[in-house]
C-alpha cells in the first residue's frame, strides 16, 4: 500500500509541475454558479455514485459473444479478483467508493479508494504509437475540451489484465475504443459522464450508458483503500469455495 500511495503523490506532483497549481481548486470551483468558462470546466473534486446514478441499457452483443465466451471472460475476471490484480477501467468508474478527479494543465487524473491504478487523461493531440505502447488495463487516454464538455478518447486496452466486464454486458478487449464525455450539471453539483464502447468483436453497435456522480462536500477526507492479500486463505476460500449462490455472480463493486 505504501507504494500505491507514493504513486498517487508522484502523479499529483507531475500534474501541478508544468502549470504551478491546479487550474481549479479541488472542491469549490466547479460547484459555483457563474458564466466563466474556467468555472464551467472545473471538474476537480471527490465524486460518488449513488443508487440512482446509473442509466445502463443492455448491450447489443456481437454473434461471436457466445455463452462459452462469456463464461471464459467471467472466469478471467474472477481470477483477477482472487489474485489481487489492479482492476483498471471500466471498474474504477463504477465502484462503491468515491473517485478523486484532479484537473491540471497537462492532464486530468482520476484516482480511487479501491485496488486499482489511477487513470491519466492527457491533453495531447494523438495517441502514443501502438508500436511502442504496451497495452494496459486503463489504456492510453487523450482528452480535449469541446465547450464545457471534456471529451476523452481511450485505446490501447489489455484484455489480459484487470477486470474486463463492461456495465450492461460485454467485456473490454484489445480492440475496444472508449469515448467518454464529462459535463457538469445541476449547477456543478453533479458530474454526468457518458461512456461509449466501440468494439466490433464484442458489440453489434456501439454500447453507450451514463453515470451521474454526486459532488462530495469540501470537508470530505479520503480513506486508505482496503488492502488485498492474495495469500489470505479465508478470503480465497470465500471466493473459490462452494456457496449458496452461483460463484459467477460475485460483485465487482
Protein backbone atom coordinates (compact mmCIF):
# COMPACT_ATOMS: atom_id res chain seq x y z
CA UNK A 1 0.00 0.00 0.00
CA UNK A 2 2.94 2.33 0.71
CA UNK A 3 3.99 2.13 -2.95
CA UNK A 4 0.42 2.81 -4.14
CA UNK A 5 0.21 5.98 -2.03
CA UNK A 6 3.65 7.05 -3.25
CA UNK A 7 2.45 6.63 -6.84
CA UNK A 8 -0.52 8.93 -6.19
CA UNK A 9 1.76 11.59 -4.69
CA UNK A 10 4.15 11.41 -7.65
CA UNK A 11 1.24 11.70 -10.09
CA UNK A 12 -0.14 14.75 -8.29
CA UNK A 13 3.25 16.42 -8.37
CA UNK A 14 3.50 15.70 -12.09
CA UNK A 15 0.14 17.34 -12.75
CA UNK A 16 0.99 20.52 -10.90
CA UNK A 17 4.58 20.73 -12.07
CA UNK A 18 4.05 22.21 -15.52
CA UNK A 19 1.47 24.77 -14.51
CA UNK A 20 2.42 25.52 -10.93
CA UNK A 21 -1.01 24.70 -9.48
CA UNK A 22 -4.26 23.02 -10.43
CA UNK A 23 -6.35 25.02 -12.83
CA UNK A 24 -9.11 24.98 -10.24
CA UNK A 25 -9.31 24.13 -6.56
CA UNK A 26 -10.48 20.65 -5.70
CA UNK A 27 -13.97 21.05 -4.27
CA UNK A 28 -15.30 24.57 -4.72
CA UNK A 29 -14.80 25.96 -8.20
CA UNK A 30 -16.94 23.56 -10.18
CA UNK A 31 -19.89 23.93 -7.83
CA UNK A 32 -20.11 27.71 -8.02
CA UNK A 33 -22.55 29.48 -10.29
CA UNK A 34 -21.32 31.87 -12.94
CA UNK A 35 -20.64 32.11 -16.62
CA UNK A 36 -16.86 31.92 -16.73
CA UNK A 37 -15.56 29.17 -19.00
CA UNK A 38 -12.98 28.23 -16.39
CA UNK A 39 -15.58 27.64 -13.68
CA UNK A 40 -17.76 25.66 -16.06
CA UNK A 41 -14.88 23.28 -16.69
CA UNK A 42 -13.97 22.74 -13.04
CA UNK A 43 -14.42 19.01 -12.53
CA UNK A 44 -11.78 18.63 -9.81
CA UNK A 45 -13.11 17.14 -6.60
CA UNK A 46 -14.38 13.98 -4.96
CA UNK A 47 -17.34 12.36 -6.69
CA UNK A 48 -19.56 9.45 -5.66
CA UNK A 49 -22.12 7.24 -7.34
CA UNK A 50 -25.47 6.67 -5.64
CA UNK A 51 -28.26 4.14 -6.05
CA UNK A 52 -29.84 6.33 -8.74
CA UNK A 53 -26.63 7.18 -10.59
CA UNK A 54 -26.53 4.54 -13.31
CA UNK A 55 -28.51 4.57 -16.55
CA UNK A 56 -27.31 1.44 -18.31
CA UNK A 57 -29.19 -0.25 -21.16
CA UNK A 58 -28.38 -3.84 -22.12
CA UNK A 59 -25.56 -4.14 -24.62
CA UNK A 60 -26.22 -5.47 -28.13
CA UNK A 61 -23.59 -8.19 -28.22
CA UNK A 62 -22.00 -9.47 -31.41
CA UNK A 63 -22.88 -13.03 -32.58
CA UNK A 64 -19.42 -14.31 -31.67
CA UNK A 65 -20.06 -13.49 -27.98
CA UNK A 66 -21.47 -16.88 -27.12
CA UNK A 67 -22.24 -18.36 -23.73
CA UNK A 68 -18.82 -20.05 -23.78
CA UNK A 69 -17.07 -16.72 -24.48
CA UNK A 70 -18.96 -15.01 -21.65
CA UNK A 71 -18.14 -17.82 -19.20
CA UNK A 72 -14.45 -17.63 -20.14
CA UNK A 73 -14.42 -13.86 -19.59
CA UNK A 74 -16.16 -14.23 -16.23
CA UNK A 75 -13.60 -16.86 -15.25
CA UNK A 76 -10.82 -14.43 -16.17
CA UNK A 77 -12.32 -11.64 -14.05
CA UNK A 78 -12.78 -13.96 -11.08
CA UNK A 79 -9.10 -14.87 -11.34
CA UNK A 80 -8.09 -11.18 -11.36
CA UNK A 81 -10.13 -10.53 -8.22
CA UNK A 82 -8.85 -13.65 -6.48
CA UNK A 83 -5.18 -12.76 -7.07
CA UNK A 84 -5.45 -9.04 -6.28
CA UNK A 85 -4.69 -7.72 -9.76
CA UNK A 86 -5.09 -3.95 -10.24
CA UNK A 87 -8.58 -3.79 -11.74
CA UNK A 88 -8.42 -0.84 -14.17
CA UNK A 89 -11.08 0.60 -16.48
CA UNK A 90 -14.09 0.40 -16.51
CA UNK A 91 -14.07 -0.83 -12.90
CA UNK A 92 -12.57 2.39 -11.48
CA UNK A 93 -15.54 4.38 -12.78
CA UNK A 94 -18.17 2.00 -11.36
CA UNK A 95 -17.42 1.08 -7.77
CA UNK A 96 -18.92 1.88 -4.40
CA UNK A 97 -16.32 4.34 -3.11
CA UNK A 98 -15.62 7.90 -4.30
CA UNK A 99 -13.33 8.81 -7.15
CA UNK A 100 -10.92 11.73 -6.87
CA UNK A 101 -10.62 13.85 -10.04
CA UNK A 102 -7.72 16.32 -10.30
CA UNK A 103 -7.69 18.65 -13.26
CA UNK A 104 -4.32 20.08 -14.25
CA UNK A 105 -2.83 21.92 -17.20
CA UNK A 106 -1.40 18.85 -18.94
CA UNK A 107 -3.72 16.08 -17.76
CA UNK A 108 -6.69 15.06 -15.66
CA UNK A 109 -6.03 12.31 -13.12
CA UNK A 110 -8.70 10.03 -11.67
CA UNK A 111 -7.82 8.07 -8.53
CA UNK A 112 -9.93 5.76 -6.39
CA UNK A 113 -10.00 4.38 -2.86
CA UNK A 114 -10.01 0.83 -4.19
CA UNK A 115 -7.41 -1.57 -5.51
CA UNK A 116 -6.67 -0.06 -8.91
CA UNK A 117 -4.21 2.26 -10.59
CA UNK A 118 -5.21 5.89 -11.24
CA UNK A 119 -6.24 6.95 -14.71
CA UNK A 120 -4.32 9.65 -16.60
CA UNK A 121 -6.21 11.62 -19.27
CA UNK A 122 -3.57 13.59 -21.17
CA UNK A 123 -4.19 16.84 -23.01
CA UNK A 124 -2.32 15.87 -26.15
CA UNK A 125 -3.50 15.62 -29.78
CA UNK A 126 -2.71 11.99 -30.56
CA UNK A 127 -2.32 8.58 -29.01
CA UNK A 128 1.07 7.02 -28.41
CA UNK A 129 2.32 4.98 -31.35
CA UNK A 130 0.88 1.48 -30.77
CA UNK A 131 4.18 0.04 -31.94
CA UNK A 132 5.83 1.32 -28.75
CA UNK A 133 2.84 1.37 -26.38
CA UNK A 134 2.25 -1.63 -24.14
CA UNK A 135 -1.50 -2.28 -23.74
CA UNK A 136 -2.72 -1.74 -20.20
CA UNK A 137 -5.81 -2.12 -18.03
CA UNK A 138 -6.50 1.63 -18.29
CA UNK A 139 -5.40 2.11 -21.89
CA UNK A 140 -3.95 5.27 -23.45
CA UNK A 141 -6.28 8.23 -22.86
CA UNK A 142 -6.16 11.61 -24.57
CA UNK A 143 -8.52 14.48 -23.77
CA UNK A 144 -9.74 17.83 -25.06
CA UNK A 145 -12.47 20.32 -24.28
CA UNK A 146 -15.49 20.84 -26.51
CA UNK A 147 -17.07 23.87 -24.89
CA UNK A 148 -17.93 22.82 -21.34
CA UNK A 149 -17.55 19.09 -22.06
CA UNK A 150 -14.37 17.12 -21.50
CA UNK A 151 -14.06 14.51 -24.24
CA UNK A 152 -11.77 11.55 -23.51
CA UNK A 153 -10.64 9.04 -26.15
CA UNK A 154 -9.07 5.78 -24.94
CA UNK A 155 -7.49 2.92 -26.87
CA UNK A 156 -4.66 0.51 -26.12
CA UNK A 157 -6.52 -1.67 -23.64
CA UNK A 158 -5.25 -5.03 -22.50
CA UNK A 159 -7.74 -7.88 -22.37
CA UNK A 160 -5.43 -9.96 -20.19
CA UNK A 161 -5.09 -7.68 -17.16
CA UNK A 162 -7.64 -6.28 -14.76
CA UNK A 163 -11.39 -6.55 -14.58
CA UNK A 164 -12.84 -6.54 -18.10
CA UNK A 165 -16.61 -6.60 -17.52
CA UNK A 166 -18.46 -3.60 -19.00
CA UNK A 167 -21.72 -2.31 -17.46
CA UNK A 168 -24.70 -3.54 -19.46
CA UNK A 169 -22.88 -6.54 -20.89
CA UNK A 170 -19.74 -7.30 -22.81
CA UNK A 171 -16.09 -7.13 -21.89
CA UNK A 172 -13.07 -4.96 -22.61
CA UNK A 173 -10.77 -6.35 -25.31
CA UNK A 174 -7.64 -5.26 -27.15
CA UNK A 175 -9.91 -3.82 -29.87
CA UNK A 176 -12.01 -1.70 -27.51
CA UNK A 177 -12.31 2.02 -28.19
CA UNK A 178 -13.86 4.10 -25.39
CA UNK A 179 -15.19 7.65 -25.74
CA UNK A 180 -16.23 9.48 -22.56
CA UNK A 181 -17.93 12.86 -22.21
CA UNK A 182 -17.70 14.64 -18.83
CA UNK A 183 -20.11 17.50 -18.20
CA UNK A 184 -21.22 19.36 -15.07
CA UNK A 185 -24.98 19.65 -14.49
CA UNK A 186 -27.20 20.95 -11.70
CA UNK A 187 -25.00 23.99 -11.08
CA UNK A 188 -21.89 21.84 -10.74
CA UNK A 189 -23.23 19.52 -8.04
CA UNK A 190 -23.46 16.55 -10.43
CA UNK A 191 -20.94 15.26 -12.95
CA UNK A 192 -22.54 13.50 -15.91
CA UNK A 193 -20.28 11.03 -17.71
CA UNK A 194 -21.41 9.17 -20.81
CA UNK A 195 -19.42 6.13 -21.90
CA UNK A 196 -19.48 4.73 -25.42
CA UNK A 197 -17.66 1.47 -26.16
CA UNK A 198 -16.98 0.62 -29.78
CA UNK A 199 -15.63 -2.86 -30.45
CA UNK A 200 -16.80 -4.94 -33.43
CA UNK A 201 -15.53 -8.11 -31.77
CA UNK A 202 -17.85 -7.52 -28.79
CA UNK A 203 -20.83 -5.35 -29.87
CA UNK A 204 -23.13 -5.22 -32.89
CA UNK A 205 -23.45 -1.47 -32.37
CA UNK A 206 -21.56 0.90 -30.03
CA UNK A 207 -22.67 0.46 -26.43
CA UNK A 208 -23.46 3.68 -24.51
CA UNK A 209 -24.53 4.38 -20.94
CA UNK A 210 -24.46 7.29 -18.49
CA UNK A 211 -23.33 7.65 -14.88
CA UNK A 212 -24.09 10.67 -12.69
CA UNK A 213 -21.64 11.34 -9.87
CA UNK A 214 -22.56 13.47 -6.86
CA UNK A 215 -20.02 16.04 -5.69
CA UNK A 216 -18.92 15.38 -2.11
CA UNK A 217 -18.58 18.20 0.45
CA UNK A 218 -15.32 20.11 0.70
CA UNK A 219 -14.82 18.56 4.15
CA UNK A 220 -14.61 15.05 2.71
CA UNK A 221 -11.42 13.22 3.59
CA UNK A 222 -10.37 10.19 1.52
CA UNK A 223 -9.67 6.96 3.34
CA UNK A 224 -7.00 4.35 2.56
CA UNK A 225 -8.01 1.59 0.22
CA UNK A 226 -8.94 -1.80 1.64
CA UNK A 227 -5.82 -3.96 1.30
CA UNK A 228 -5.93 -7.05 -0.87
CA UNK A 229 -4.00 -10.14 0.22
CA UNK A 230 -3.84 -12.92 -2.36
CA UNK A 231 -2.41 -15.24 0.30
CA UNK A 232 -5.32 -14.80 2.72
CA UNK A 233 -6.66 -18.37 2.95
CA UNK A 234 -10.03 -17.35 4.37
CA UNK A 235 -10.53 -14.86 1.53
CA UNK A 236 -9.51 -17.47 -1.05
CA UNK A 237 -11.94 -20.00 0.42
CA UNK A 238 -14.76 -17.44 0.29
CA UNK A 239 -14.08 -16.59 -3.36
CA UNK A 240 -13.31 -20.06 -4.65
CA UNK A 241 -15.32 -22.39 -2.46
CA UNK A 242 -18.93 -23.52 -2.93
CA UNK A 243 -21.65 -21.24 -1.65
CA UNK A 244 -25.39 -20.69 -1.64
CA UNK A 245 -25.18 -18.58 -4.82
CA UNK A 246 -23.52 -19.12 -8.17
CA UNK A 247 -19.79 -18.32 -7.88
CA UNK A 248 -20.01 -16.45 -11.22
CA UNK A 249 -22.28 -13.86 -9.59
CA UNK A 250 -19.61 -12.24 -7.42
CA UNK A 251 -19.96 -8.47 -7.22
CA UNK A 252 -17.36 -6.28 -8.88
CA UNK A 253 -18.23 -3.16 -6.89
